Amino acid sequence: MRRLTVSVFISLDGVIQSPGAPGEDPGGEFRLGGWIVPYADEAIGHNLQDMLSQPFELLLGRCTYDIFASYWPHVPEGSGSRAIADLFNGVPKHVATHRPGTLDWHNSHALEGDLADAVRALQRQDGADLLTFGSGNTVSQLLAAGLVDELRLLTYPVMLGRGKRLFGDDAPASAFTLTHSVSTPGGVLIARYVRDGAVRTGTFD
């Protein structure tokens, strides 16, 4: 059974929209795109390297796929990002999309039919674990279906006030265990949560 890990940049008030650049997702007149950029440092780079240290396949929503496909295949030789580019360019990429004929990035495959059913089928296959970056709409559906095994949240010390949020009211109640956490010099909290069954309740009486 393959596990699904989701890595998300998130603000203190739960917004995940357009973290890397103004043009990523300006929907809803969101004007604060690029809010993670001032906090980039080696600690965040090490977190990415750790995630990519084990075999993986990418599972992406269409918006994130298009952003990745416009960048990673074009990283020049000698760049500091070239090792990551080689990984991303080589691994299978499973894409939630309604435009399957436009997946030109090498080794890309459109998920067919219902998203949750397609991901369940992937998880039942042998092979490397699945890794998702961003892909807010897709991740919301996967959380609602209870298919996310691990959350890697990078929580930034900003409140954005408005924008697309990761957690909605349709996600099933679930407990998670914090297995690792570290704060960066810039105040970003990197936390790793693994699904841990049902929510446990009690009383102080």
Protein backbone atom coordinates (compact mmCIF):
# COMPACT_ATOMS: atom_id res chain seq x y z
CA MET A 1 0.00 0.00 0.00
CA ARG A 2 1.53 3.28 -1.08
CA ARG A 3 1.35 6.24 1.28
CA LEU A 4 0.37 9.78 0.28
CA THR A 5 2.29 12.72 1.74
CA VAL A 6 1.11 16.29 1.17
CA SER A 7 3.46 19.26 1.54
CA VAL A 8 1.79 22.66 1.86
CA PHE A 9 2.86 26.25 2.50
CA ILE A 10 0.24 27.75 4.80
CA SER A 11 -0.30 31.07 6.59
CA LEU A 12 -1.28 31.44 10.25
CA ASP A 13 -4.89 31.92 9.19
CA GLY A 14 -4.90 28.86 6.92
CA VAL A 15 -4.43 30.47 3.49
CA ILE A 16 -2.48 28.49 0.87
CA GLN A 17 -3.13 30.61 -2.22
CA SER A 18 -0.33 31.75 -4.53
CA PRO A 19 2.58 31.31 -2.10
CA GLY A 20 5.47 31.45 -4.56
CA ALA A 21 4.69 34.30 -6.93
CA PRO A 22 1.98 36.90 -7.68
CA GLY A 23 0.96 35.20 -10.90
CA GLU A 24 0.52 31.68 -9.52
CA ASP A 25 -3.14 32.11 -8.58
CA PRO A 26 -4.56 35.64 -8.48
CA GLY A 27 -8.14 34.33 -8.36
CA GLY A 28 -10.58 36.26 -6.22
CA GLU A 29 -8.40 39.37 -6.61
CA PHE A 30 -5.78 37.88 -4.29
CA ARG A 31 -2.96 40.45 -4.22
CA LEU A 32 -0.38 38.96 -1.85
CA GLY A 33 1.10 36.27 -4.09
CA GLY A 34 4.71 35.43 -3.27
CA TRP A 35 4.29 35.62 0.50
CA ILE A 36 6.75 32.77 1.22
CA VAL A 37 9.63 34.32 -0.75
CA PRO A 38 11.05 36.60 2.01
CA TYR A 39 11.42 33.57 4.29
CA ALA A 40 13.46 31.31 1.98
CA ASP A 41 16.52 29.87 3.70
CA GLU A 42 18.65 26.75 4.03
CA ALA A 43 16.33 25.12 6.59
CA ILE A 44 13.44 25.14 4.13
CA GLY A 45 15.76 23.75 1.46
CA HIS A 46 16.82 20.95 3.81
CA ASN A 47 13.17 20.07 4.42
CA LEU A 48 12.66 19.66 0.68
CA GLN A 49 15.78 17.53 0.34
CA ASP A 50 14.55 15.31 3.17
CA MET A 51 11.20 14.75 1.46
CA LEU A 52 12.93 13.84 -1.78
CA SER A 53 15.46 11.50 -0.19
CA GLN A 54 13.22 8.44 -0.58
CA PRO A 55 11.67 7.11 -3.82
CA PHE A 56 8.50 8.99 -4.75
CA GLU A 57 6.05 9.74 -7.52
CA LEU A 58 4.33 13.12 -7.87
CA LEU A 59 0.58 13.54 -7.53
CA LEU A 60 -0.40 17.07 -8.58
CA GLY A 61 -3.40 19.23 -9.27
CA ARG A 62 -3.46 20.89 -12.66
CA CYS A 63 -2.49 24.39 -11.55
CA THR A 64 0.57 23.18 -9.63
CA TYR A 65 1.45 20.82 -12.47
CA ASP A 66 1.48 23.71 -14.95
CA ILE A 67 3.69 25.78 -12.64
CA PHE A 68 6.13 22.90 -12.20
CA ALA A 69 6.10 21.99 -15.90
CA SER A 70 6.98 25.57 -16.87
CA TYR A 71 10.02 25.57 -14.58
CA TRP A 72 11.64 22.25 -13.77
CA PRO A 73 12.31 20.96 -17.31
CA HIS A 74 14.19 24.20 -18.06
CA VAL A 75 16.59 24.37 -15.09
CA PRO A 76 20.07 24.78 -16.62
CA GLU A 77 23.02 22.51 -15.98
CA GLY A 78 25.11 23.76 -13.09
CA SER A 79 22.17 25.34 -11.29
CA GLY A 80 21.81 24.69 -7.57
CA SER A 81 18.32 23.32 -8.31
CA ARG A 82 19.49 20.89 -10.98
CA ALA A 83 19.50 17.81 -8.72
CA ILE A 84 15.87 18.43 -7.76
CA ALA A 85 14.99 19.14 -11.39
CA ASP A 86 16.46 15.80 -12.45
CA LEU A 87 14.32 14.01 -9.85
CA PHE A 88 11.11 15.80 -10.80
CA ASN A 89 11.73 15.43 -14.51
CA GLY A 90 12.32 11.69 -14.21
CA VAL A 91 9.63 10.44 -11.82
CA PRO A 92 6.07 9.56 -12.86
CA LYS A 93 3.67 12.47 -12.47
CA HIS A 94 -0.03 11.73 -11.83
CA VAL A 95 -2.20 14.74 -12.63
CA ALA A 96 -5.76 15.65 -11.71
CA THR A 97 -6.89 17.43 -14.87
CA HIS A 98 -9.76 17.85 -17.31
CA ARG A 99 -7.27 18.50 -20.15
CA PRO A 100 -5.33 15.23 -20.42
CA GLY A 101 -4.10 15.92 -23.94
CA THR A 102 -1.91 18.82 -22.81
CA LEU A 103 0.40 17.01 -20.38
CA ASP A 104 3.69 17.54 -22.21
CA TRP A 105 6.08 17.17 -19.28
CA HIS A 106 7.95 13.85 -19.52
CA ASN A 107 6.32 10.88 -17.77
CA SER A 108 3.03 12.66 -16.98
CA HIS A 109 -0.24 10.75 -16.71
CA ALA A 110 -3.79 12.06 -16.30
CA LEU A 111 -5.92 10.58 -13.53
CA GLU A 112 -9.13 9.22 -15.02
CA GLY A 113 -12.60 9.27 -13.53
CA ASP A 114 -13.38 10.18 -9.94
CA LEU A 115 -10.30 11.65 -8.22
CA ALA A 116 -10.67 9.74 -4.96
CA ASP A 117 -11.18 6.43 -6.77
CA ALA A 118 -8.18 7.08 -9.01
CA VAL A 119 -5.93 7.86 -6.03
CA ARG A 120 -7.15 4.81 -4.12
CA ALA A 121 -6.20 2.71 -7.15
CA LEU A 122 -2.74 4.29 -7.19
CA GLN A 123 -2.27 3.62 -3.49
CA ARG A 124 -3.12 -0.06 -3.97
CA GLN A 125 -0.39 -0.45 -6.57
CA ASP A 126 3.17 -1.46 -5.83
CA GLY A 127 5.75 1.27 -6.17
CA ALA A 128 7.07 4.42 -4.58
CA ASP A 129 5.00 6.54 -2.22
CA LEU A 130 3.04 9.49 -3.59
CA LEU A 131 4.09 13.07 -2.90
CA THR A 132 1.91 16.14 -3.44
CA PHE A 133 3.00 19.78 -3.38
CA GLY A 134 0.50 22.64 -3.28
CA SER A 135 -2.48 21.53 -5.39
CA GLY A 136 -4.99 23.07 -3.00
CA ASN A 137 -8.22 22.01 -4.71
CA THR A 138 -6.94 18.47 -5.20
CA VAL A 139 -5.68 18.19 -1.63
CA SER A 140 -9.02 19.40 -0.25
CA GLN A 141 -10.74 16.56 -2.08
CA LEU A 142 -8.18 14.04 -0.89
CA LEU A 143 -8.55 15.20 2.71
CA ALA A 144 -12.33 14.92 2.41
CA ALA A 145 -11.90 11.35 1.18
CA GLY A 146 -9.52 10.49 4.03
CA LEU A 147 -6.68 9.58 1.67
CA VAL A 148 -3.85 11.74 3.06
CA ASP A 149 -1.47 9.73 5.26
CA GLU A 150 0.95 12.49 6.16
CA LEU A 151 0.88 16.29 6.22
CA ARG A 152 4.04 18.36 6.01
CA LEU A 153 2.94 21.86 6.87
CA LEU A 154 5.24 24.84 6.52
CA THR A 155 3.45 27.48 8.56
CA TYR A 156 4.58 31.04 7.81
CA PRO A 157 4.33 33.89 10.35
CA VAL A 158 1.87 35.93 8.30
CA MET A 159 -1.88 36.49 8.34
CA LEU A 160 -3.26 37.05 4.85
CA GLY A 161 -6.86 37.77 5.75
CA ARG A 162 -8.38 36.29 2.62
CA GLY A 163 -7.61 33.67 0.01
CA LYS A 164 -8.08 29.97 -0.61
CA ARG A 165 -7.75 27.83 2.50
CA LEU A 166 -6.60 24.26 2.93
CA PHE A 167 -9.08 22.95 5.48
CA GLY A 168 -12.81 23.02 4.86
CA ASP A 169 -15.80 21.69 6.74
CA ASP A 170 -15.99 18.56 4.59
CA ALA A 171 -12.82 16.85 5.86
CA PRO A 172 -13.56 13.89 8.16
CA ALA A 173 -12.51 14.19 11.78
CA SER A 174 -9.06 12.62 12.08
CA ALA A 175 -6.25 12.51 14.62
CA PHE A 176 -2.64 13.12 13.63
CA THR A 177 0.61 12.60 15.51
CA LEU A 178 3.36 15.21 15.34
CA THR A 179 6.51 13.25 14.45
CA HIS A 180 8.91 16.11 13.80
CA SER A 181 9.01 19.88 14.03
CA VAL A 182 11.59 22.60 13.59
CA SER A 183 11.48 26.38 13.30
CA THR A 184 13.58 28.25 10.79
CA PRO A 185 15.56 31.42 11.57
CA GLY A 186 12.84 33.40 9.82
CA GLY A 187 10.09 31.94 12.02
CA VAL A 188 8.61 29.33 9.68
CA LEU A 189 7.38 26.26 11.56
CA ILE A 190 8.02 23.05 9.65
CA ALA A 191 5.90 20.25 11.10
CA ARG A 192 5.33 16.66 10.07
CA TYR A 193 2.00 15.06 11.01
CA VAL A 194 1.14 11.38 10.47
CA ARG A 195 -2.46 10.15 10.49
CA ASP A 196 -3.30 8.44 13.78
CA GLY A 197 -6.83 7.10 13.59
CA ALA A 198 -9.95 8.64 15.06
CA VAL A 199 -10.18 11.78 17.18
CA ARG A 200 -10.07 10.89 20.87
CA THR A 201 -12.12 12.88 23.32
CA GLY A 202 -12.41 13.02 27.10
CA THR A 203 -13.34 15.12 30.09
CA PHE A 204 -11.41 16.87 32.88
CA ASP A 205 -14.06 15.94 35.46
